[in-house]
Amino acid sequence: MSDDKLATLDNDPTSSKLKSSITAVDIVLEPDETMIQQAQAANAGLLKNFPKGYALGDEHAPHISVMGGYVYTASLDKLFTAAAKVLASEKVTSWKLKAFKYYYIPLKEIGLGGIVVEPTADMIRLQKELIDATAPFMAPASSGTAAAFATTAKDPEINQPTIDAVATYLSGHTGEHYSPHVTIGVGTRDYLNALLAAPFPTFRFSVVGVSAYQFGNFGTAAKRLHSFKLTQ
């Protein structure tokens, strides 16, 4: 095969070579200190209730997912470039967002909790623009395995619900189905039910940055892959 044809295959995101490596990627809004403090306080309560859970921090960064899915690893830089072009005309740091309730996803006897954010037209529009711009670099939803995720010594395994959640992100969590939130950790269902039953003190907060992370277990933002430079 000629060098030209080899180069073409290397640059083709659908080639078998690129398909051999997949990364589970999450493009996120980074919340300000107001939200971080609220999330950390809720996380501390969850850890007292369920010490086997995880603490928010560098390997579990508080965030609001905008779009996620499986990406051809060799195309990550191209995906970041495409997303950066979209973000260049956005004014995300001027957005004023509203947190208004808790929620959780049941996982047998435990649950994964979060603070729900009221979706805005700007958030939904940004999500669609990012999805359209990055589509050429996304891998099929069925291609994801545990190997696509970031792991740590404390959290060395990826559960199946996490793998499935990333596979269905684009089909089940976008547009009218988009429910932005900040995940706060894991607790027992009894504890989380009580948390949801109590009055929630709504608050407003801002966005201070946008980054791309590699997903970890429970859909956490486990490893920062890229920080976008915001011009607005």
C-alpha atoms as a PDB file:
ATOM      1  CA  MET A   1       0.000   0.000   0.000  1.00  0.00           C
ATOM      2  CA  SER A   2       1.321   3.454  -0.870  1.00  0.00           C
ATOM      3  CA  ASP A   3       2.331   6.009   1.732  1.00  0.00           C
ATOM      4  CA  ASP A   4      -0.530   8.247   0.564  1.00  0.00           C
ATOM      5  CA  LYS A   5      -3.098   5.528   1.212  1.00  0.00           C
ATOM      6  CA  LEU A   6      -1.600   4.804   4.623  1.00  0.00           C
ATOM      7  CA  ALA A   7      -1.808   8.486   5.507  1.00  0.00           C
ATOM      8  CA  THR A   8      -5.443   8.544   4.414  1.00  0.00           C
ATOM      9  CA  LEU A   9      -6.271   5.633   6.694  1.00  0.00           C
ATOM     10  CA  ASP A  10      -4.448   7.245   9.614  1.00  0.00           C
ATOM     11  CA  ASN A  11      -6.548  10.378   9.221  1.00  0.00           C
ATOM     12  CA  ASP A  12      -9.864   8.597   8.675  1.00  0.00           C
ATOM     13  CA  PRO A  13     -11.814   8.398  11.961  1.00  0.00           C
ATOM     14  CA  THR A  14     -13.719   5.390  10.641  1.00  0.00           C
ATOM     15  CA  SER A  15     -10.635   3.292   9.829  1.00  0.00           C
ATOM     16  CA  SER A  16     -10.087   0.004  11.674  1.00  0.00           C
ATOM     17  CA  LYS A  17      -6.883   1.341  13.177  1.00  0.00           C
ATOM     18  CA  LEU A  18      -8.686   4.155  14.961  1.00  0.00           C
ATOM     19  CA  LYS A  19     -11.529   1.897  16.013  1.00  0.00           C
ATOM     20  CA  SER A  20      -9.102  -0.164  18.091  1.00  0.00           C
ATOM     21  CA  SER A  21      -9.015   2.465  20.845  1.00  0.00           C
ATOM     22  CA  ILE A  22     -12.059   4.202  22.317  1.00  0.00           C
ATOM     23  CA  THR A  23     -12.279   6.861  25.050  1.00  0.00           C
ATOM     24  CA  ALA A  24     -15.397   7.717  27.042  1.00  0.00           C
ATOM     25  CA  VAL A  25     -15.522  11.530  26.863  1.00  0.00           C
ATOM     26  CA  ASP A  26     -17.622  14.075  28.727  1.00  0.00           C
ATOM     27  CA  ILE A  27     -17.684  17.768  27.723  1.00  0.00           C
ATOM     28  CA  VAL A  28     -18.658  19.672  30.852  1.00  0.00           C
ATOM     29  CA  LEU A  29     -19.432  23.088  32.248  1.00  0.00           C
ATOM     30  CA  GLU A  30     -17.371  23.843  35.341  1.00  0.00           C
ATOM     31  CA  PRO A  31     -19.507  25.505  38.047  1.00  0.00           C
ATOM     32  CA  ASP A  32     -18.448  28.352  40.288  1.00  0.00           C
ATOM     33  CA  GLU A  33     -17.642  28.158  43.997  1.00  0.00           C
ATOM     34  CA  THR A  34     -21.295  28.610  44.969  1.00  0.00           C
ATOM     35  CA  MET A  35     -22.266  25.311  43.345  1.00  0.00           C
ATOM     36  CA  ILE A  36     -19.063  23.549  44.389  1.00  0.00           C
ATOM     37  CA  GLN A  37     -19.701  24.352  48.054  1.00  0.00           C
ATOM     38  CA  GLN A  38     -23.292  23.108  47.831  1.00  0.00           C
ATOM     39  CA  ALA A  39     -22.192  19.896  46.093  1.00  0.00           C
ATOM     40  CA  GLN A  40     -19.391  19.256  48.573  1.00  0.00           C
ATOM     41  CA  ALA A  41     -21.713  19.766  51.540  1.00  0.00           C
ATOM     42  CA  ALA A  42     -24.193  17.282  50.092  1.00  0.00           C
ATOM     43  CA  ASN A  43     -21.348  14.873  49.301  1.00  0.00           C
ATOM     44  CA  ALA A  44     -20.125  15.015  52.905  1.00  0.00           C
ATOM     45  CA  GLY A  45     -23.572  13.937  54.098  1.00  0.00           C
ATOM     46  CA  LEU A  46     -23.613  11.063  51.614  1.00  0.00           C
ATOM     47  CA  LEU A  47     -20.198   9.846  52.766  1.00  0.00           C
ATOM     48  CA  LYS A  48     -21.371   9.727  56.385  1.00  0.00           C
ATOM     49  CA  ASN A  49     -24.345   7.696  55.250  1.00  0.00           C
ATOM     50  CA  PHE A  50     -22.416   5.471  52.825  1.00  0.00           C
ATOM     51  CA  PRO A  51     -18.626   5.521  53.486  1.00  0.00           C
ATOM     52  CA  LYS A  52     -17.997   3.228  50.498  1.00  0.00           C
ATOM     53  CA  GLY A  53     -18.995   6.092  48.213  1.00  0.00           C
ATOM     54  CA  TYR A  54     -16.604   8.675  46.795  1.00  0.00           C
ATOM     55  CA  ALA A  55     -15.530  12.168  47.770  1.00  0.00           C
ATOM     56  CA  LEU A  56     -15.756  15.027  45.298  1.00  0.00           C
ATOM     57  CA  GLY A  57     -12.335  16.300  44.280  1.00  0.00           C
ATOM     58  CA  ASP A  58      -9.728  16.071  41.533  1.00  0.00           C
ATOM     59  CA  GLU A  59     -10.758  12.571  40.417  1.00  0.00           C
ATOM     60  CA  HIS A  60     -14.469  13.334  40.873  1.00  0.00           C
ATOM     61  CA  ALA A  61     -14.734  16.944  39.766  1.00  0.00           C
ATOM     62  CA  PRO A  62     -18.095  18.689  40.276  1.00  0.00           C
ATOM     63  CA  HIS A  63     -19.447  19.405  36.817  1.00  0.00           C
ATOM     64  CA  ILE A  64     -22.456  19.739  34.532  1.00  0.00           C
ATOM     65  CA  SER A  65     -22.299  17.392  31.562  1.00  0.00           C
ATOM     66  CA  VAL A  66     -23.267  18.969  28.252  1.00  0.00           C
ATOM     67  CA  MET A  67     -22.584  16.025  25.973  1.00  0.00           C
ATOM     68  CA  GLY A  68     -20.806  12.725  26.272  1.00  0.00           C
ATOM     69  CA  GLY A  69     -20.142   9.505  24.444  1.00  0.00           C
ATOM     70  CA  TYR A  70     -17.532   7.192  23.026  1.00  0.00           C
ATOM     71  CA  VAL A  71     -14.841   8.825  20.898  1.00  0.00           C
ATOM     72  CA  TYR A  72     -12.108   7.364  18.719  1.00  0.00           C
ATOM     73  CA  THR A  73      -9.029   8.013  20.852  1.00  0.00           C
ATOM     74  CA  ALA A  74      -6.884   8.976  17.868  1.00  0.00           C
ATOM     75  CA  SER A  75      -9.443  11.659  16.985  1.00  0.00           C
ATOM     76  CA  LEU A  76      -9.544  13.356  20.384  1.00  0.00           C
ATOM     77  CA  ASP A  77      -7.528  16.396  19.277  1.00  0.00           C
ATOM     78  CA  LYS A  78      -9.807  16.866  16.267  1.00  0.00           C
ATOM     79  CA  LEU A  79     -12.849  16.653  18.524  1.00  0.00           C
ATOM     80  CA  PHE A  80     -11.367  19.271  20.864  1.00  0.00           C
ATOM     81  CA  THR A  81     -10.657  21.568  17.911  1.00  0.00           C
ATOM     82  CA  ALA A  82     -14.219  21.209  16.620  1.00  0.00           C
ATOM     83  CA  ALA A  83     -15.678  21.902  20.065  1.00  0.00           C
ATOM     84  CA  ALA A  84     -13.403  24.909  20.537  1.00  0.00           C
ATOM     85  CA  LYS A  85     -14.780  26.500  17.356  1.00  0.00           C
ATOM     86  CA  VAL A  86     -18.296  26.217  18.772  1.00  0.00           C
ATOM     87  CA  LEU A  87     -17.283  27.619  22.156  1.00  0.00           C
ATOM     88  CA  ALA A  88     -15.430  30.565  20.593  1.00  0.00           C
ATOM     89  CA  SER A  89     -18.752  32.346  19.976  1.00  0.00           C
ATOM     90  CA  GLU A  90     -20.380  31.404  23.281  1.00  0.00           C
ATOM     91  CA  LYS A  91     -20.672  33.486  26.443  1.00  0.00           C
ATOM     92  CA  VAL A  92     -21.045  30.699  28.964  1.00  0.00           C
ATOM     93  CA  THR A  93     -19.391  32.619  31.801  1.00  0.00           C
ATOM     94  CA  SER A  94     -22.198  35.186  31.634  1.00  0.00           C
ATOM     95  CA  TRP A  95     -24.913  32.559  32.161  1.00  0.00           C
ATOM     96  CA  LYS A  96     -26.851  32.625  35.420  1.00  0.00           C
ATOM     97  CA  LEU A  97     -28.109  29.134  36.172  1.00  0.00           C
ATOM     98  CA  LYS A  98     -30.594  27.937  38.790  1.00  0.00           C
ATOM     99  CA  ALA A  99     -30.304  24.821  40.950  1.00  0.00           C
ATOM    100  CA  PHE A 100     -33.720  23.755  42.166  1.00  0.00           C
ATOM    101  CA  LYS A 101     -33.860  20.187  43.507  1.00  0.00           C
ATOM    102  CA  TYR A 102     -32.086  16.917  44.298  1.00  0.00           C
ATOM    103  CA  TYR A 103     -32.557  13.682  42.363  1.00  0.00           C
ATOM    104  CA  TYR A 104     -31.036  10.244  42.305  1.00  0.00           C
ATOM    105  CA  ILE A 105     -30.653   7.223  40.046  1.00  0.00           C
ATOM    106  CA  PRO A 106     -31.471   3.984  41.886  1.00  0.00           C
ATOM    107  CA  LEU A 107     -28.798   1.275  41.712  1.00  0.00           C
ATOM    108  CA  LYS A 108     -30.263  -1.645  43.679  1.00  0.00           C
ATOM    109  CA  GLU A 109     -29.967  -0.734  47.390  1.00  0.00           C
ATOM    110  CA  ILE A 110     -28.003   2.477  46.741  1.00  0.00           C
ATOM    111  CA  GLY A 111     -28.432   5.502  44.519  1.00  0.00           C
ATOM    112  CA  LEU A 112     -26.372   8.076  42.642  1.00  0.00           C
ATOM    113  CA  GLY A 113     -27.495  11.530  43.713  1.00  0.00           C
ATOM    114  CA  GLY A 114     -27.262  14.954  42.149  1.00  0.00           C
ATOM    115  CA  ILE A 115     -28.360  18.577  42.201  1.00  0.00           C
ATOM    116  CA  VAL A 116     -30.656  19.344  39.267  1.00  0.00           C
ATOM    117  CA  VAL A 117     -30.137  22.525  37.250  1.00  0.00           C
ATOM    118  CA  GLU A 118     -32.921  24.230  35.362  1.00  0.00           C
ATOM    119  CA  PRO A 119     -32.184  23.802  31.644  1.00  0.00           C
ATOM    120  CA  THR A 120     -32.033  26.961  29.547  1.00  0.00           C
ATOM    121  CA  ALA A 121     -32.401  27.583  25.829  1.00  0.00           C
ATOM    122  CA  ASP A 122     -28.697  28.490  25.708  1.00  0.00           C
ATOM    123  CA  MET A 123     -27.660  25.184  27.273  1.00  0.00           C
ATOM    124  CA  ILE A 124     -29.803  23.132  24.887  1.00  0.00           C
ATOM    125  CA  ARG A 125     -28.564  25.100  21.880  1.00  0.00           C
ATOM    126  CA  LEU A 126     -24.934  24.687  22.939  1.00  0.00           C
ATOM    127  CA  GLN A 127     -25.438  20.968  23.419  1.00  0.00           C
ATOM    128  CA  LYS A 128     -26.836  20.561  19.894  1.00  0.00           C
ATOM    129  CA  GLU A 129     -24.056  22.619  18.338  1.00  0.00           C
ATOM    130  CA  LEU A 130     -21.404  20.549  20.123  1.00  0.00           C
ATOM    131  CA  ILE A 131     -23.066  17.288  19.101  1.00  0.00           C
ATOM    132  CA  ASP A 132     -23.216  18.382  15.454  1.00  0.00           C
ATOM    133  CA  ALA A 133     -19.607  19.599  15.437  1.00  0.00           C
ATOM    134  CA  THR A 134     -18.116  16.509  17.069  1.00  0.00           C
ATOM    135  CA  ALA A 135     -20.223  13.852  15.330  1.00  0.00           C
ATOM    136  CA  PRO A 136     -17.496  12.824  12.836  1.00  0.00           C
ATOM    137  CA  PHE A 137     -15.211  11.766  15.682  1.00  0.00           C
ATOM    138  CA  MET A 138     -17.690   9.786  17.757  1.00  0.00           C
ATOM    139  CA  ALA A 139     -17.540   6.001  17.886  1.00  0.00           C
ATOM    140  CA  PRO A 140     -20.653   3.796  17.761  1.00  0.00           C
ATOM    141  CA  ALA A 141     -22.493   3.577  21.068  1.00  0.00           C
ATOM    142  CA  SER A 142     -22.004  -0.186  21.066  1.00  0.00           C
ATOM    143  CA  SER A 143     -18.207   0.157  20.917  1.00  0.00           C
ATOM    144  CA  GLY A 144     -17.711   1.219  24.524  1.00  0.00           C
ATOM    145  CA  THR A 145     -16.228  -1.107  27.124  1.00  0.00           C
ATOM    146  CA  ALA A 146     -14.699  -0.640  30.572  1.00  0.00           C
ATOM    147  CA  ALA A 147     -11.358  -0.002  28.848  1.00  0.00           C
ATOM    148  CA  ALA A 148     -12.674   3.359  27.570  1.00  0.00           C
ATOM    149  CA  PHE A 149     -12.926   4.758  31.093  1.00  0.00           C
ATOM    150  CA  ALA A 150     -10.470   6.208  33.600  1.00  0.00           C
ATOM    151  CA  THR A 151      -9.834   4.106  36.700  1.00  0.00           C
ATOM    152  CA  THR A 152      -7.899   4.646  39.924  1.00  0.00           C
ATOM    153  CA  ALA A 153      -6.440   2.428  42.623  1.00  0.00           C
ATOM    154  CA  LYS A 154      -9.436   3.267  44.832  1.00  0.00           C
ATOM    155  CA  ASP A 155     -11.941   2.719  42.029  1.00  0.00           C
ATOM    156  CA  PRO A 156     -10.398   0.129  39.685  1.00  0.00           C
ATOM    157  CA  GLU A 157     -13.591  -1.189  38.088  1.00  0.00           C
ATOM    158  CA  ILE A 158     -16.302   0.287  35.868  1.00  0.00           C
ATOM    159  CA  ASN A 159     -19.841  -0.951  36.498  1.00  0.00           C
ATOM    160  CA  GLN A 160     -22.182  -1.907  33.680  1.00  0.00           C
ATOM    161  CA  PRO A 161     -24.733   0.878  34.381  1.00  0.00           C
ATOM    162  CA  THR A 162     -21.932   3.406  33.766  1.00  0.00           C
ATOM    163  CA  ILE A 163     -20.985   1.800  30.446  1.00  0.00           C
ATOM    164  CA  ASP A 164     -24.641   1.715  29.414  1.00  0.00           C
ATOM    165  CA  ALA A 165     -25.265   5.320  30.477  1.00  0.00           C
ATOM    166  CA  VAL A 166     -22.500   6.647  28.247  1.00  0.00           C
ATOM    167  CA  ALA A 167     -23.726   4.478  25.366  1.00  0.00           C
ATOM    168  CA  THR A 168     -27.195   6.028  25.614  1.00  0.00           C
ATOM    169  CA  TYR A 169     -26.103   9.597  26.372  1.00  0.00           C
ATOM    170  CA  LEU A 170     -26.747  11.035  22.923  1.00  0.00           C
ATOM    171  CA  SER A 171     -30.010   9.168  22.437  1.00  0.00           C
ATOM    172  CA  GLY A 172     -31.491   9.644  25.890  1.00  0.00           C
ATOM    173  CA  HIS A 173     -30.057  12.775  27.488  1.00  0.00           C
ATOM    174  CA  THR A 174     -30.156  15.480  24.844  1.00  0.00           C
ATOM    175  CA  GLY A 175     -32.605  18.061  23.543  1.00  0.00           C
ATOM    176  CA  GLU A 176     -35.952  17.827  25.314  1.00  0.00           C
ATOM    177  CA  HIS A 177     -34.559  14.974  27.420  1.00  0.00           C
ATOM    178  CA  TYR A 178     -31.604  16.993  28.703  1.00  0.00           C
ATOM    179  CA  SER A 179     -31.595  17.325  32.484  1.00  0.00           C
ATOM    180  CA  PRO A 180     -28.439  19.193  33.527  1.00  0.00           C
ATOM    181  CA  HIS A 181     -27.185  18.342  36.999  1.00  0.00           C
ATOM    182  CA  VAL A 182     -24.182  18.166  39.293  1.00  0.00           C
ATOM    183  CA  THR A 183     -23.612  14.661  40.640  1.00  0.00           C
ATOM    184  CA  ILE A 184     -23.000  14.646  44.408  1.00  0.00           C
ATOM    185  CA  GLY A 185     -22.149  11.011  45.120  1.00  0.00           C
ATOM    186  CA  VAL A 186     -23.537   7.703  46.314  1.00  0.00           C
ATOM    187  CA  GLY A 187     -25.805   6.964  49.267  1.00  0.00           C
ATOM    188  CA  THR A 188     -28.424   4.533  50.464  1.00  0.00           C
ATOM    189  CA  ARG A 189     -31.849   4.888  48.898  1.00  0.00           C
ATOM    190  CA  ASP A 190     -33.409   5.601  52.305  1.00  0.00           C
ATOM    191  CA  TYR A 191     -31.022   8.509  52.840  1.00  0.00           C
ATOM    192  CA  LEU A 192     -31.583   9.844  49.335  1.00  0.00           C
ATOM    193  CA  ASN A 193     -35.361   9.558  49.665  1.00  0.00           C
ATOM    194  CA  ALA A 194     -35.181  11.653  52.829  1.00  0.00           C
ATOM    195  CA  LEU A 195     -32.950  14.175  51.049  1.00  0.00           C
ATOM    196  CA  LEU A 196     -35.480  14.535  48.241  1.00  0.00           C
ATOM    197  CA  ALA A 197     -38.379  14.885  50.664  1.00  0.00           C
ATOM    198  CA  ALA A 198     -36.805  17.849  52.476  1.00  0.00           C
ATOM    199  CA  PRO A 199     -37.263  21.400  51.127  1.00  0.00           C
ATOM    200  CA  PHE A 200     -34.535  22.367  48.678  1.00  0.00           C
ATOM    201  CA  PRO A 201     -33.108  25.890  49.032  1.00  0.00           C
ATOM    202  CA  THR A 202     -32.865  27.018  45.407  1.00  0.00           C
ATOM    203  CA  PHE A 203     -29.803  29.040  44.463  1.00  0.00           C
ATOM    204  CA  ARG A 204     -28.180  30.599  41.428  1.00  0.00           C
ATOM    205  CA  PHE A 205     -24.638  30.113  40.216  1.00  0.00           C
ATOM    206  CA  SER A 206     -22.381  30.721  37.219  1.00  0.00           C
ATOM    207  CA  VAL A 207     -20.084  28.807  34.896  1.00  0.00           C
ATOM    208  CA  VAL A 208     -16.336  29.458  35.168  1.00  0.00           C
ATOM    209  CA  GLY A 209     -14.984  27.113  32.502  1.00  0.00           C
ATOM    210  CA  VAL A 210     -15.544  24.333  29.993  1.00  0.00           C
ATOM    211  CA  SER A 211     -13.459  21.161  29.853  1.00  0.00           C
ATOM    212  CA  ALA A 212     -13.417  17.673  28.401  1.00  0.00           C
ATOM    213  CA  TYR A 213     -12.969  14.781  30.824  1.00  0.00           C
ATOM    214  CA  GLN A 214     -12.597  11.060  30.554  1.00  0.00           C
ATOM    215  CA  PHE A 215     -15.493   9.421  32.331  1.00  0.00           C
ATOM    216  CA  GLY A 216     -14.865   7.329  35.444  1.00  0.00           C
ATOM    217  CA  ASN A 217     -17.103   4.942  37.333  1.00  0.00           C
ATOM    218  CA  PHE A 218     -20.613   6.249  38.079  1.00  0.00           C
ATOM    219  CA  GLY A 219     -20.151   8.771  35.264  1.00  0.00           C
ATOM    220  CA  THR A 220     -17.722  10.915  37.228  1.00  0.00           C
ATOM    221  CA  ALA A 221     -15.416  13.458  35.604  1.00  0.00           C
ATOM    222  CA  ALA A 222     -12.343  11.424  36.462  1.00  0.00           C
ATOM    223  CA  LYS A 223      -9.510  12.662  34.220  1.00  0.00           C
ATOM    224  CA  ARG A 224      -9.263  16.071  32.599  1.00  0.00           C
ATOM    225  CA  LEU A 225      -8.305  15.689  28.954  1.00  0.00           C
ATOM    226  CA  HIS A 226      -8.612  19.271  27.722  1.00  0.00           C
ATOM    227  CA  SER A 227      -9.504  22.744  28.989  1.00  0.00           C
ATOM    228  CA  PHE A 228     -11.088  25.062  26.455  1.00  0.00           C
ATOM    229  CA  LYS A 229      -9.997  28.675  26.194  1.00  0.00           C
ATOM    230  CA  LEU A 230     -13.073  30.841  26.386  1.00  0.00           C
ATOM    231  CA  THR A 231     -12.906  34.107  24.470  1.00  0.00           C
ATOM    232  CA  GLN A 232     -16.165  35.651  25.714  1.00  0.00           C
END
